[in-house]
């Protein structure tokens, strides 16, 4: 990428921020502007874009728990949606175009896919990859990726080689991968280890045996999921992954400048996105999911997939489709990103407005993961059991062992990450699995005995929503929140928080106090 591409991507990414849009919308726009200026994609950009996608999926894999994906709502939801999408779109494409029935069926099936890149990115930005709806969305995307392998074979791609069976032996590599991860330390070797797994073993390795490199990167990440240093590895790759992904979004815009007819077709396909999301919603509600979970999952999947471009590339290369279809799909995917990205950013607010209408479609029988939450005699509730929440819990737990005459206050924690919840329970903490951003959670929760709530979630929006929900449900107790920036502190107090603590400020003050006490003792 030359200086012009980087500068334009930065300027347009920066310009959409005041509009409340994610920077990726600006990157997509930069790609189309560059195309209009006569620029074309290059082998270097292709490699950069591909590496960005692989690193993103590797990071997603690090946060996955494959056992939780093998469930009827994942397999059934993903499979039923693909089947229904193909059944509805195939006759329309067959009648409206000159495509054969087989070509129309292949194209209809690819339009049923959702973007793994977009869904993973918006869920990661909101710290919801391990929330129930995040895990559900990623699970459905894996089902779609597996279906894409079959479609690519039908479209003319090379079939998997017999060596592909080696994939079933991946779990046997985990002990070696864990050892190397431990040996890699905390500096540049850790980054190189992640790059080698994602790009070489997962990417090139899977490609050599006829499997999707994207699927390979995801599975290699999942191989290390649950390891204590998986989060550190993900963070070490974060900046590099974000920079490389700019190439992916530029690449979509650089695929071609659409004619009026192609632009009209792309707009028509983009207008089908509400139907796509609606179909996901009703299928998931049918699996006993609550309306909120189904809604958030459907929004995360309300886009067209980059895999559609891959399948169509094979069809164009095999002479089954004209090159115009590639431009049409590129513009359609770009439009779907521009629609889905801001919707996902405000997904929780949207659900709050639509809750009354959507909750009518819920089934009386609840999904096992969405049963009512019982907190017993809890008096102090901690929302978010990461590092800060755990430290607060342990401090309060120690204060329960006080001299006689002092009140003993029961403390409990809540987290939307099932892996964290299980770890805390093993370590003896009273932590329950629930999503504090869920308005339905607050409807099911009895707040009578709770005297104080500590908000320790990483996402500022999650803390604001939790504060508003508490006050809307007439909670009169104390609300204390951890904040990262002064503007976040202001927003939380405006929502009803009694006290906020700037994280880095408090860490500095605490360290200074310890140093001062140590000096006084000398």
Protein backbone atom coordinates (compact mmCIF):
# COMPACT_ATOMS: atom_id res chain seq x y z
CA UNK A 1 0.00 0.00 0.00
CA UNK A 2 1.41 3.41 -0.89
CA UNK A 3 1.17 6.63 1.12
CA UNK A 4 -1.99 7.80 -0.71
CA UNK A 5 -3.92 4.67 0.28
CA UNK A 6 -2.90 4.91 3.93
CA UNK A 7 -3.59 8.64 4.12
CA UNK A 8 -7.03 8.34 2.51
CA UNK A 9 -7.98 5.39 4.72
CA UNK A 10 -6.97 7.36 7.81
CA UNK A 11 -8.78 10.56 6.77
CA UNK A 12 -12.05 8.85 5.83
CA UNK A 13 -11.87 6.54 8.86
CA UNK A 14 -11.44 9.62 11.04
CA UNK A 15 -14.21 11.56 9.28
CA UNK A 16 -16.94 8.98 9.96
CA UNK A 17 -16.24 8.89 13.70
CA UNK A 18 -18.26 12.07 14.48
CA UNK A 19 -21.22 10.45 12.67
CA UNK A 20 -21.19 7.57 15.15
CA UNK A 21 -19.95 5.12 12.50
CA UNK A 22 -17.05 2.69 12.98
CA UNK A 23 -13.80 3.46 11.17
CA UNK A 24 -14.23 0.45 8.88
CA UNK A 25 -17.02 2.31 7.03
CA UNK A 26 -14.46 4.98 6.18
CA UNK A 27 -12.00 2.35 4.98
CA UNK A 28 -14.63 0.88 2.65
CA UNK A 29 -15.38 4.36 1.30
CA UNK A 30 -11.63 4.93 0.78
CA UNK A 31 -11.47 1.78 -1.36
CA UNK A 32 -14.24 3.01 -3.66
CA UNK A 33 -12.68 6.49 -3.89
CA UNK A 34 -9.33 4.96 -4.84
CA UNK A 35 -11.09 2.85 -7.45
CA UNK A 36 -12.72 5.97 -8.92
CA UNK A 37 -9.24 7.56 -9.09
CA UNK A 38 -8.04 4.69 -11.24
CA UNK A 39 -6.25 2.74 -8.51
CA UNK A 40 -6.40 -1.06 -8.50
CA UNK A 41 -5.61 -3.73 -5.96
CA UNK A 42 -2.10 -5.17 -5.87
CA UNK A 43 -0.56 -8.49 -4.82
CA UNK A 44 0.84 -6.74 -1.76
CA UNK A 45 -2.58 -5.46 -0.70
CA UNK A 46 -4.06 -8.91 -1.29
CA UNK A 47 -1.47 -10.44 1.05
CA UNK A 48 -1.99 -7.74 3.68
CA UNK A 49 -5.78 -8.17 3.56
CA UNK A 50 -5.52 -11.95 3.76
CA UNK A 51 -3.14 -11.76 6.73
CA UNK A 52 -5.50 -9.36 8.54
CA UNK A 53 -8.44 -11.73 8.13
CA UNK A 54 -6.40 -14.71 9.33
CA UNK A 55 -5.18 -12.84 12.42
CA UNK A 56 -8.72 -11.73 13.24
CA UNK A 57 -10.06 -15.27 13.03
CA UNK A 58 -7.09 -16.59 15.01
CA UNK A 59 -7.92 -14.07 17.76
CA UNK A 60 -11.55 -15.20 17.69
CA UNK A 61 -10.40 -18.79 18.02
CA UNK A 62 -8.38 -17.91 21.12
CA UNK A 63 -11.63 -16.90 22.81
CA UNK A 64 -13.70 -19.86 21.65
CA UNK A 65 -14.84 -22.89 23.55
CA UNK A 66 -15.58 -25.52 20.93
CA UNK A 67 -17.62 -27.71 23.30
CA UNK A 68 -20.16 -24.92 23.65
CA UNK A 69 -20.59 -24.77 19.86
CA UNK A 70 -21.81 -28.34 19.40
CA UNK A 71 -25.41 -27.56 20.30
CA UNK A 72 -28.74 -27.71 18.47
CA UNK A 73 -29.23 -23.93 18.46
CA UNK A 74 -25.86 -23.50 16.70
CA UNK A 75 -26.05 -26.33 14.17
CA UNK A 76 -29.80 -26.11 13.74
CA UNK A 77 -29.92 -22.32 13.60
CA UNK A 78 -27.11 -22.05 11.06
CA UNK A 79 -28.31 -24.95 8.93
CA UNK A 80 -31.97 -23.91 8.87
CA UNK A 81 -31.10 -20.33 7.95
CA UNK A 82 -28.91 -21.43 5.02
CA UNK A 83 -31.57 -23.82 3.77
CA UNK A 84 -34.35 -21.22 4.06
CA UNK A 85 -32.24 -18.47 2.42
CA UNK A 86 -31.34 -20.69 -0.53
CA UNK A 87 -34.94 -21.86 -0.94
CA UNK A 88 -36.27 -18.30 -1.06
CA UNK A 89 -33.54 -16.57 -3.09
CA UNK A 90 -32.84 -19.33 -5.64
CA UNK A 91 -36.20 -19.07 -7.50
CA UNK A 92 -35.93 -15.25 -7.50
CA UNK A 93 -32.42 -15.24 -8.98
CA UNK A 94 -33.34 -17.96 -11.47
CA UNK A 95 -36.37 -16.01 -12.70
CA UNK A 96 -34.77 -12.53 -12.67
CA UNK A 97 -31.44 -13.40 -14.31
CA UNK A 98 -30.05 -15.61 -17.05
CA UNK A 99 -28.42 -17.95 -14.55
CA UNK A 100 -28.97 -21.68 -14.68
CA UNK A 101 -30.75 -23.30 -11.74
CA UNK A 102 -27.48 -24.67 -10.32
CA UNK A 103 -25.77 -21.28 -10.62
CA UNK A 104 -28.74 -19.53 -9.00
CA UNK A 105 -28.74 -22.09 -6.17
CA UNK A 106 -25.01 -21.61 -5.51
CA UNK A 107 -25.35 -17.83 -5.54
CA UNK A 108 -28.42 -17.91 -3.28
CA UNK A 109 -26.61 -20.11 -0.76
CA UNK A 110 -23.59 -17.79 -0.66
CA UNK A 111 -25.88 -14.81 0.00
CA UNK A 112 -27.12 -16.70 3.06
CA UNK A 113 -23.65 -16.46 4.60
CA UNK A 114 -22.85 -13.68 7.06
CA UNK A 115 -19.53 -11.88 7.38
CA UNK A 116 -17.19 -13.55 9.85
CA UNK A 117 -14.88 -10.52 9.72
CA UNK A 118 -17.59 -7.97 10.52
CA UNK A 119 -19.34 -10.05 13.19
CA UNK A 120 -16.07 -10.92 14.92
CA UNK A 121 -14.89 -7.31 14.82
CA UNK A 122 -18.06 -5.72 16.21
CA UNK A 123 -18.38 -8.38 18.92
CA UNK A 124 -14.73 -8.00 19.87
CA UNK A 125 -15.01 -4.20 20.04
CA UNK A 126 -17.95 -4.54 22.44
CA UNK A 127 -16.21 -7.27 24.49
CA UNK A 128 -19.07 -9.65 23.64
CA UNK A 129 -17.26 -12.52 21.93
CA UNK A 130 -17.77 -14.69 25.02
CA UNK A 131 -21.25 -13.45 25.85
CA UNK A 132 -23.95 -16.00 25.07
CA UNK A 133 -25.12 -14.23 21.90
CA UNK A 134 -21.48 -13.71 20.83
CA UNK A 135 -20.64 -17.40 21.17
CA UNK A 136 -23.85 -18.29 19.37
CA UNK A 137 -23.09 -15.94 16.45
CA UNK A 138 -19.52 -17.24 16.07
CA UNK A 139 -20.78 -20.83 16.24
CA UNK A 140 -23.27 -20.21 13.42
CA UNK A 141 -20.50 -18.54 11.38
CA UNK A 142 -18.36 -21.67 11.76
CA UNK A 143 -21.25 -23.75 10.42
CA UNK A 144 -21.46 -21.37 7.47
CA UNK A 145 -17.70 -21.63 6.89
CA UNK A 146 -17.98 -25.41 6.71
CA UNK A 147 -20.83 -25.08 4.23
CA UNK A 148 -18.69 -22.64 2.21
CA UNK A 149 -16.07 -25.37 1.74
CA UNK A 150 -18.65 -27.57 0.02
CA UNK A 151 -19.91 -24.67 -2.12
CA UNK A 152 -16.39 -23.77 -3.23
CA UNK A 153 -15.88 -27.36 -4.35
CA UNK A 154 -19.10 -27.15 -6.39
CA UNK A 155 -18.02 -23.78 -7.79
CA UNK A 156 -14.79 -25.21 -9.15
CA UNK A 157 -12.31 -24.93 -6.30
CA UNK A 158 -9.95 -27.78 -5.58
CA UNK A 159 -11.40 -30.51 -3.39
CA UNK A 160 -9.71 -31.26 -0.06
CA UNK A 161 -6.82 -33.71 -0.33
CA UNK A 162 -6.70 -36.93 1.70
CA UNK A 163 -4.29 -35.09 4.00
CA UNK A 164 -7.25 -33.02 5.18
CA UNK A 165 -8.09 -35.88 7.54
CA UNK A 166 -5.11 -34.77 9.63
CA UNK A 167 -7.29 -31.92 10.92
CA UNK A 168 -9.01 -34.39 13.24
CA UNK A 169 -5.67 -34.88 14.97
CA UNK A 170 -5.28 -31.20 15.86
CA UNK A 171 -6.16 -31.74 19.56
CA UNK A 172 -3.05 -33.94 19.82
CA UNK A 173 -0.92 -30.88 19.02
CA UNK A 174 -2.24 -28.87 21.96
CA UNK A 175 0.40 -30.00 24.53
CA UNK A 176 3.21 -28.99 22.14
CA UNK A 177 1.55 -25.68 21.25
CA UNK A 178 1.06 -24.88 24.94
CA UNK A 179 4.72 -25.65 25.69
CA UNK A 180 5.92 -23.37 22.89
CA UNK A 181 3.52 -20.64 24.06
CA UNK A 182 5.02 -20.82 27.56
CA UNK A 183 8.57 -20.71 26.16
CA UNK A 184 7.79 -17.64 24.00
CA UNK A 185 7.92 -15.19 26.89
CA UNK A 186 6.12 -11.85 26.79
CA UNK A 187 7.86 -9.88 24.03
CA UNK A 188 8.39 -10.16 20.27
CA UNK A 189 8.71 -13.96 20.37
CA UNK A 190 5.10 -14.16 21.56
CA UNK A 191 3.96 -12.09 18.57
CA UNK A 192 6.01 -14.23 16.17
CA UNK A 193 4.54 -17.39 17.68
CA UNK A 194 1.02 -16.08 17.07
CA UNK A 195 1.87 -15.09 13.50
CA UNK A 196 3.38 -18.50 12.80
CA UNK A 197 0.30 -20.33 14.07
CA UNK A 198 -2.22 -18.07 12.32
CA UNK A 199 -0.49 -17.46 8.97
CA UNK A 200 1.79 -20.45 8.46
CA UNK A 201 0.22 -23.45 10.20
CA UNK A 202 -3.42 -22.34 10.08
CA UNK A 203 -3.32 -20.33 6.84
CA UNK A 204 -0.81 -21.87 4.44
CA UNK A 205 -0.98 -25.29 6.09
CA UNK A 206 -4.73 -25.67 5.62
CA UNK A 207 -4.53 -24.25 2.10
CA UNK A 208 -2.00 -26.93 1.12
CA UNK A 209 -4.39 -29.71 2.12
CA UNK A 210 -7.32 -28.14 0.26
CA UNK A 211 -9.09 -26.55 3.22
CA UNK A 212 -10.00 -22.93 3.91
CA UNK A 213 -7.08 -20.97 5.45
CA UNK A 214 -9.68 -18.89 7.32
CA UNK A 215 -11.03 -22.03 8.97
CA UNK A 216 -7.45 -23.09 9.73
CA UNK A 217 -6.62 -19.84 11.53
CA UNK A 218 -9.83 -20.12 13.57
CA UNK A 219 -9.15 -23.72 14.60
CA UNK A 220 -5.50 -23.03 15.50
CA UNK A 221 -6.66 -20.23 17.76
CA UNK A 222 -9.28 -22.51 19.31
CA UNK A 223 -6.50 -25.03 20.00
CA UNK A 224 -5.12 -22.62 22.64
CA UNK A 225 -8.47 -21.35 23.93
CA UNK A 226 -8.76 -21.64 27.67
CA UNK A 227 -5.01 -21.40 28.26
CA UNK A 228 -4.14 -18.75 30.89
CA UNK A 229 -1.96 -16.89 28.36
CA UNK A 230 -4.44 -16.98 25.46
CA UNK A 231 -5.68 -13.49 26.35
CA UNK A 232 -2.12 -12.14 26.47
CA UNK A 233 -1.41 -13.64 23.04
CA UNK A 234 -4.57 -12.06 21.63
CA UNK A 235 -3.63 -8.64 23.03
CA UNK A 236 -0.10 -8.86 21.66
CA UNK A 237 -1.51 -9.33 18.13
CA UNK A 238 -4.26 -6.72 18.46
CA UNK A 239 -2.58 -3.64 16.92
CA UNK A 240 -1.00 -5.62 14.08
CA UNK A 241 -4.33 -7.26 13.28
CA UNK A 242 -6.19 -3.92 13.24
CA UNK A 243 -3.67 -2.36 10.82
CA UNK A 244 -3.70 -5.33 8.45
CA UNK A 245 -7.51 -5.43 8.41
CA UNK A 246 -7.52 -1.95 6.85
CA UNK A 247 -6.21 -3.71 3.73
CA UNK A 248 -9.20 -6.05 3.70
CA UNK A 249 -11.72 -3.21 3.72
CA UNK A 250 -9.76 -1.26 1.09
CA UNK A 251 -9.63 -4.37 -1.07
CA UNK A 252 -13.42 -4.68 -1.23
CA UNK A 253 -13.80 -1.14 -2.55
CA UNK A 254 -10.98 -1.62 -5.07
CA UNK A 255 -12.62 -4.62 -6.74
CA UNK A 256 -14.41 -2.42 -9.27
CA UNK A 257 -16.50 0.67 -9.88
CA UNK A 258 -20.16 -0.30 -10.35
CA UNK A 259 -22.33 0.67 -13.29
CA UNK A 260 -25.82 2.10 -12.51
CA UNK A 261 -27.37 -1.34 -13.11
CA UNK A 262 -24.89 -3.05 -10.77
CA UNK A 263 -25.38 -0.35 -8.13
CA UNK A 264 -29.15 -0.83 -8.35
CA UNK A 265 -28.79 -4.59 -7.93
CA UNK A 266 -26.53 -4.11 -4.92
CA UNK A 267 -29.05 -1.75 -3.30
CA UNK A 268 -31.84 -4.28 -3.86
CA UNK A 269 -29.78 -7.02 -2.22
CA UNK A 270 -28.92 -4.68 0.67
CA UNK A 271 -32.64 -4.06 1.18
CA UNK A 272 -33.02 -7.79 1.89
CA UNK A 273 -30.85 -7.52 5.01
CA UNK A 274 -33.84 -6.92 7.36
CA UNK A 275 -35.40 -10.12 6.02
CA UNK A 276 -32.15 -11.98 6.59
CA UNK A 277 -31.92 -10.71 10.17
CA UNK A 278 -35.63 -11.38 10.76
CA UNK A 279 -35.25 -14.97 9.60
CA UNK A 280 -32.37 -15.48 12.04
CA UNK A 281 -34.47 -13.95 14.84
CA UNK A 282 -37.48 -16.25 14.36
CA UNK A 283 -35.34 -19.37 13.91
CA UNK A 284 -33.41 -18.67 17.13
CA UNK A 285 -36.56 -17.84 19.09
CA UNK A 286 -37.82 -21.22 17.92
CA UNK A 287 -34.87 -22.78 19.74
CA UNK A 288 -36.22 -21.30 23.03
CA UNK A 289 -33.81 -18.36 23.05
CA UNK A 290 -35.02 -15.15 24.58
CA UNK A 291 -35.93 -12.30 22.26
CA UNK A 292 -32.91 -10.23 23.29
CA UNK A 293 -30.40 -13.01 22.58
CA UNK A 294 -32.04 -13.77 19.24
CA UNK A 295 -32.10 -10.06 18.32
CA UNK A 296 -28.43 -9.39 19.18
CA UNK A 297 -27.32 -12.55 17.37
CA UNK A 298 -29.41 -11.69 14.31
CA UNK A 299 -27.92 -8.18 14.13
CA UNK A 300 -24.39 -9.59 14.40
CA UNK A 301 -25.21 -11.84 11.42
CA UNK A 302 -27.08 -9.19 9.38
CA UNK A 303 -24.48 -8.80 6.64
CA UNK A 304 -23.25 -10.53 3.51
CA UNK A 305 -20.08 -12.56 3.72
CA UNK A 306 -16.62 -12.12 2.26
CA UNK A 307 -16.91 -15.86 1.50
CA UNK A 308 -19.48 -14.92 -1.14
CA UNK A 309 -16.68 -13.11 -2.99
CA UNK A 310 -14.47 -16.20 -2.80
CA UNK A 311 -17.17 -18.50 -4.16
CA UNK A 312 -18.09 -16.04 -6.92
CA UNK A 313 -14.39 -15.67 -7.84
CA UNK A 314 -14.25 -19.40 -8.50
CA UNK A 315 -17.47 -19.22 -10.54
CA UNK A 316 -16.11 -16.30 -12.58
CA UNK A 317 -12.80 -18.11 -13.10
CA UNK A 318 -14.68 -21.20 -14.29
CA UNK A 319 -16.74 -19.20 -16.78
CA UNK A 320 -19.99 -19.76 -14.89
CA UNK A 321 -20.50 -16.05 -14.16
CA UNK A 322 -19.41 -12.77 -15.74
CA UNK A 323 -16.95 -10.47 -13.95
CA UNK A 324 -19.83 -8.03 -13.27
CA UNK A 325 -21.11 -10.40 -10.60
CA UNK A 326 -17.88 -9.92 -8.68
CA UNK A 327 -18.31 -6.13 -8.68
CA UNK A 328 -21.98 -6.54 -7.72
CA UNK A 329 -21.08 -8.77 -4.76
CA UNK A 330 -18.27 -6.43 -3.65
CA UNK A 331 -20.63 -3.44 -3.56
CA UNK A 332 -23.36 -5.50 -1.87
CA UNK A 333 -20.98 -6.64 0.87
CA UNK A 334 -19.69 -3.08 1.35
CA UNK A 335 -23.26 -1.76 1.68
CA UNK A 336 -24.13 -4.51 4.15
CA UNK A 337 -21.12 -3.54 6.27
CA UNK A 338 -22.16 0.10 6.21
CA UNK A 339 -25.64 -0.86 7.41
CA UNK A 340 -24.73 -3.57 9.91
CA UNK A 341 -21.75 -1.90 11.62
CA UNK A 342 -23.64 1.09 13.09
CA UNK A 343 -26.68 -1.06 13.90
CA UNK A 344 -24.49 -3.39 15.94
CA UNK A 345 -22.92 -0.48 17.74
CA UNK A 346 -26.33 0.61 19.02
CA UNK A 347 -27.79 -2.91 19.25
CA UNK A 348 -28.59 -2.75 22.97
CA UNK A 349 -30.32 0.61 22.69
CA UNK A 350 -32.33 -0.65 19.72
CA UNK A 351 -33.48 -3.67 21.67
CA UNK A 352 -34.59 -1.54 24.61
CA UNK A 353 -36.90 0.36 22.25
CA UNK A 354 -38.22 -2.80 20.58
CA UNK A 355 -38.36 -5.02 23.66
CA UNK A 356 -42.14 -4.93 24.11
CA UNK A 357 -42.79 -5.89 20.49
CA UNK A 358 -40.07 -8.56 20.20
CA UNK A 359 -40.61 -10.27 23.56
CA UNK A 360 -44.08 -11.38 22.41
CA UNK A 361 -42.43 -13.98 20.18
CA UNK A 362 -40.59 -15.69 23.03
CA UNK A 363 -41.54 -19.23 23.93
CA UNK A 364 -42.69 -19.96 27.46
CA UNK A 365 -40.01 -22.64 27.86
CA UNK A 366 -36.55 -21.14 28.40
CA UNK A 367 -33.21 -22.20 26.92
CA UNK A 368 -30.94 -23.82 29.59
CA UNK A 369 -28.46 -20.91 29.30
CA UNK A 370 -31.18 -18.32 29.89
CA UNK A 371 -32.86 -19.45 33.08
CA UNK A 372 -33.64 -16.84 35.81
CA UNK A 373 -30.68 -15.82 37.96
CA UNK A 374 -30.81 -16.34 41.74
CA UNK A 375 -28.51 -14.24 43.96
CA UNK A 376 -29.80 -15.43 47.32
CA UNK A 377 -28.91 -13.07 50.22
CA UNK A 378 -26.43 -11.00 48.23
CA UNK A 379 -25.93 -7.46 49.51
CA UNK A 380 -22.98 -6.36 47.36
CA UNK A 381 -23.13 -7.26 43.66
CA UNK A 382 -20.14 -7.01 41.30
CA UNK A 383 -20.88 -6.89 37.57
CA UNK A 384 -17.90 -8.00 35.50
CA UNK A 385 -15.45 -10.47 37.05
CA UNK A 386 -12.28 -9.60 35.18
CA UNK A 387 -9.11 -8.42 36.95
CA UNK A 388 -10.75 -5.39 38.61
CA UNK A 389 -13.95 -7.22 39.56
CA UNK A 390 -12.01 -10.16 41.00
CA UNK A 391 -9.80 -7.84 43.08
CA UNK A 392 -12.91 -6.08 44.43
CA UNK A 393 -14.57 -9.42 45.23
CA UNK A 394 -11.52 -10.77 47.08
CA UNK A 395 -11.17 -7.56 49.11
CA UNK A 396 -14.84 -7.61 50.15
CA UNK A 397 -14.64 -11.31 50.93
CA UNK A 398 -11.78 -10.65 53.35
CA UNK A 399 -13.81 -7.90 55.02
CA UNK A 400 -16.44 -10.52 55.89
CA UNK A 401 -13.95 -11.95 58.40
CA UNK A 402 -14.34 -9.01 60.76
CA UNK A 403 -14.48 -8.78 64.56
CA UNK A 404 -17.79 -9.48 66.23
CA UNK A 405 -20.32 -6.69 66.09
CA UNK A 406 -19.52 -5.71 62.51
CA UNK A 407 -22.04 -6.48 59.77
CA UNK A 408 -21.27 -9.35 57.40
CA UNK A 409 -22.29 -8.45 53.87
CA UNK A 410 -22.72 -11.23 51.32
CA UNK A 411 -20.91 -10.52 48.02
CA UNK A 412 -21.64 -12.10 44.64
CA UNK A 413 -20.32 -11.59 41.12
CA UNK A 414 -21.90 -11.75 37.67
CA UNK A 415 -20.17 -12.25 34.33
CA UNK A 416 -21.31 -13.03 30.78
CA UNK A 417 -18.21 -15.15 30.07
CA UNK A 418 -19.00 -18.77 30.91
CA UNK A 419 -15.30 -19.71 31.01
CA UNK A 420 -14.61 -17.03 33.63
CA UNK A 421 -17.64 -18.06 35.67
CA UNK A 422 -16.50 -21.70 35.79
CA UNK A 423 -12.96 -20.65 36.80
CA UNK A 424 -14.26 -18.43 39.62
CA UNK A 425 -16.52 -21.19 40.92
CA UNK A 426 -13.56 -23.61 40.98
CA UNK A 427 -11.58 -21.02 42.96
CA UNK A 428 -14.37 -20.71 45.53
CA UNK A 429 -16.02 -17.44 44.50
CA UNK A 430 -19.79 -17.01 44.31
CA UNK A 431 -20.21 -16.01 40.68
CA UNK A 432 -23.19 -16.63 38.39
CA UNK A 433 -23.49 -16.53 34.62
CA UNK A 434 -25.68 -13.72 33.28
CA UNK A 435 -25.50 -10.75 30.92
CA UNK A 436 -25.92 -7.46 32.79
CA UNK A 437 -26.66 -5.63 29.52
CA UNK A 438 -29.82 -7.67 29.10
CA UNK A 439 -32.90 -5.63 30.08
CA UNK A 440 -34.66 -8.94 30.70
CA UNK A 441 -32.04 -9.82 33.32
CA UNK A 442 -33.05 -6.81 35.38
CA UNK A 443 -36.72 -7.75 35.07
CA UNK A 444 -35.93 -11.19 36.55
CA UNK A 445 -33.63 -9.94 39.29
CA UNK A 446 -34.91 -9.07 42.78
CA UNK A 447 -33.00 -6.01 43.98
CA UNK A 448 -34.56 -5.74 47.47
CA UNK A 449 -31.60 -7.06 49.46
CA UNK A 450 -28.82 -5.50 47.40
CA UNK A 451 -27.16 -2.52 49.10
CA UNK A 452 -24.38 -1.72 46.62
CA UNK A 453 -23.46 -2.54 43.01
CA UNK A 454 -19.93 -2.33 41.61
CA UNK A 455 -19.65 -1.98 37.83
CA UNK A 456 -16.35 -3.51 36.66
CA UNK A 457 -17.18 -4.47 33.06
CA UNK A 458 -14.63 -3.39 30.41
CA UNK A 459 -17.17 -1.87 27.98
CA UNK A 460 -18.26 1.73 28.81
CA UNK A 461 -21.60 1.22 27.06
CA UNK A 462 -22.29 -1.88 29.18
CA UNK A 463 -21.68 0.10 32.37
CA UNK A 464 -23.94 2.93 31.25
CA UNK A 465 -26.76 0.54 30.30
CA UNK A 466 -26.43 -1.34 33.63
CA UNK A 467 -26.58 1.96 35.57
CA UNK A 468 -29.68 3.09 33.70
CA UNK A 469 -31.37 -0.27 34.18
CA UNK A 470 -30.71 -0.22 37.91
CA UNK A 471 -32.23 3.23 38.31
CA UNK A 472 -35.17 2.43 36.02
CA UNK A 473 -35.99 -0.52 38.29
CA UNK A 474 -36.11 1.80 41.33
CA UNK A 475 -32.82 0.68 42.80
CA UNK A 476 -31.93 3.18 45.55
CA UNK A 477 -28.63 1.68 46.72
CA UNK A 478 -25.06 2.68 45.91
CA UNK A 479 -23.65 2.31 42.40
CA UNK A 480 -19.87 2.50 42.03
CA UNK A 481 -18.16 2.19 38.65
CA UNK A 482 -14.62 1.89 37.30
CA UNK A 483 -13.92 4.22 34.36
CA UNK A 484 -10.99 4.61 32.00
CA UNK A 485 -11.49 8.21 30.81
CA UNK A 486 -12.96 11.43 32.25
CA UNK A 487 -15.70 11.53 29.60
CA UNK A 488 -16.75 7.99 30.57
CA UNK A 489 -16.89 9.10 34.21
CA UNK A 490 -19.19 11.99 33.26
CA UNK A 491 -21.52 9.72 31.28
CA UNK A 492 -21.81 7.22 34.13
CA UNK A 493 -22.66 9.88 36.68
CA UNK A 494 -25.26 11.31 34.32
CA UNK A 495 -26.80 7.82 34.04
CA UNK A 496 -27.12 7.59 37.84
CA UNK A 497 -23.84 6.27 39.28
CA UNK A 498 -23.05 7.55 42.77
CA UNK A 499 -19.29 7.28 42.48
CA UNK A 500 -16.74 6.53 39.76
CA UNK A 501 -13.04 5.77 39.94
CA UNK A 502 -10.58 6.50 37.16
CA UNK A 503 -8.68 3.22 36.92
CA UNK A 504 -5.17 4.52 36.20
CA UNK A 505 -5.54 7.36 38.70
CA UNK A 506 -6.53 4.96 41.47
CA UNK A 507 -3.70 2.57 40.61
CA UNK A 508 -1.21 5.43 40.88
CA UNK A 509 -2.64 6.63 44.19
CA UNK A 510 -2.66 3.08 45.60
CA UNK A 511 0.96 2.48 44.61
CA UNK A 512 2.02 5.82 46.12
CA UNK A 513 0.25 4.93 49.39
CA UNK A 514 2.13 1.62 49.63
CA UNK A 515 5.45 3.32 48.92
CA UNK A 516 4.70 6.01 51.53
CA UNK A 517 3.80 3.42 54.18
CA UNK A 518 6.98 1.46 53.42
CA UNK A 519 9.10 4.60 53.82
CA UNK A 520 7.41 5.46 57.13
CA UNK A 521 8.37 2.05 58.55
CA UNK A 522 12.06 2.53 57.77
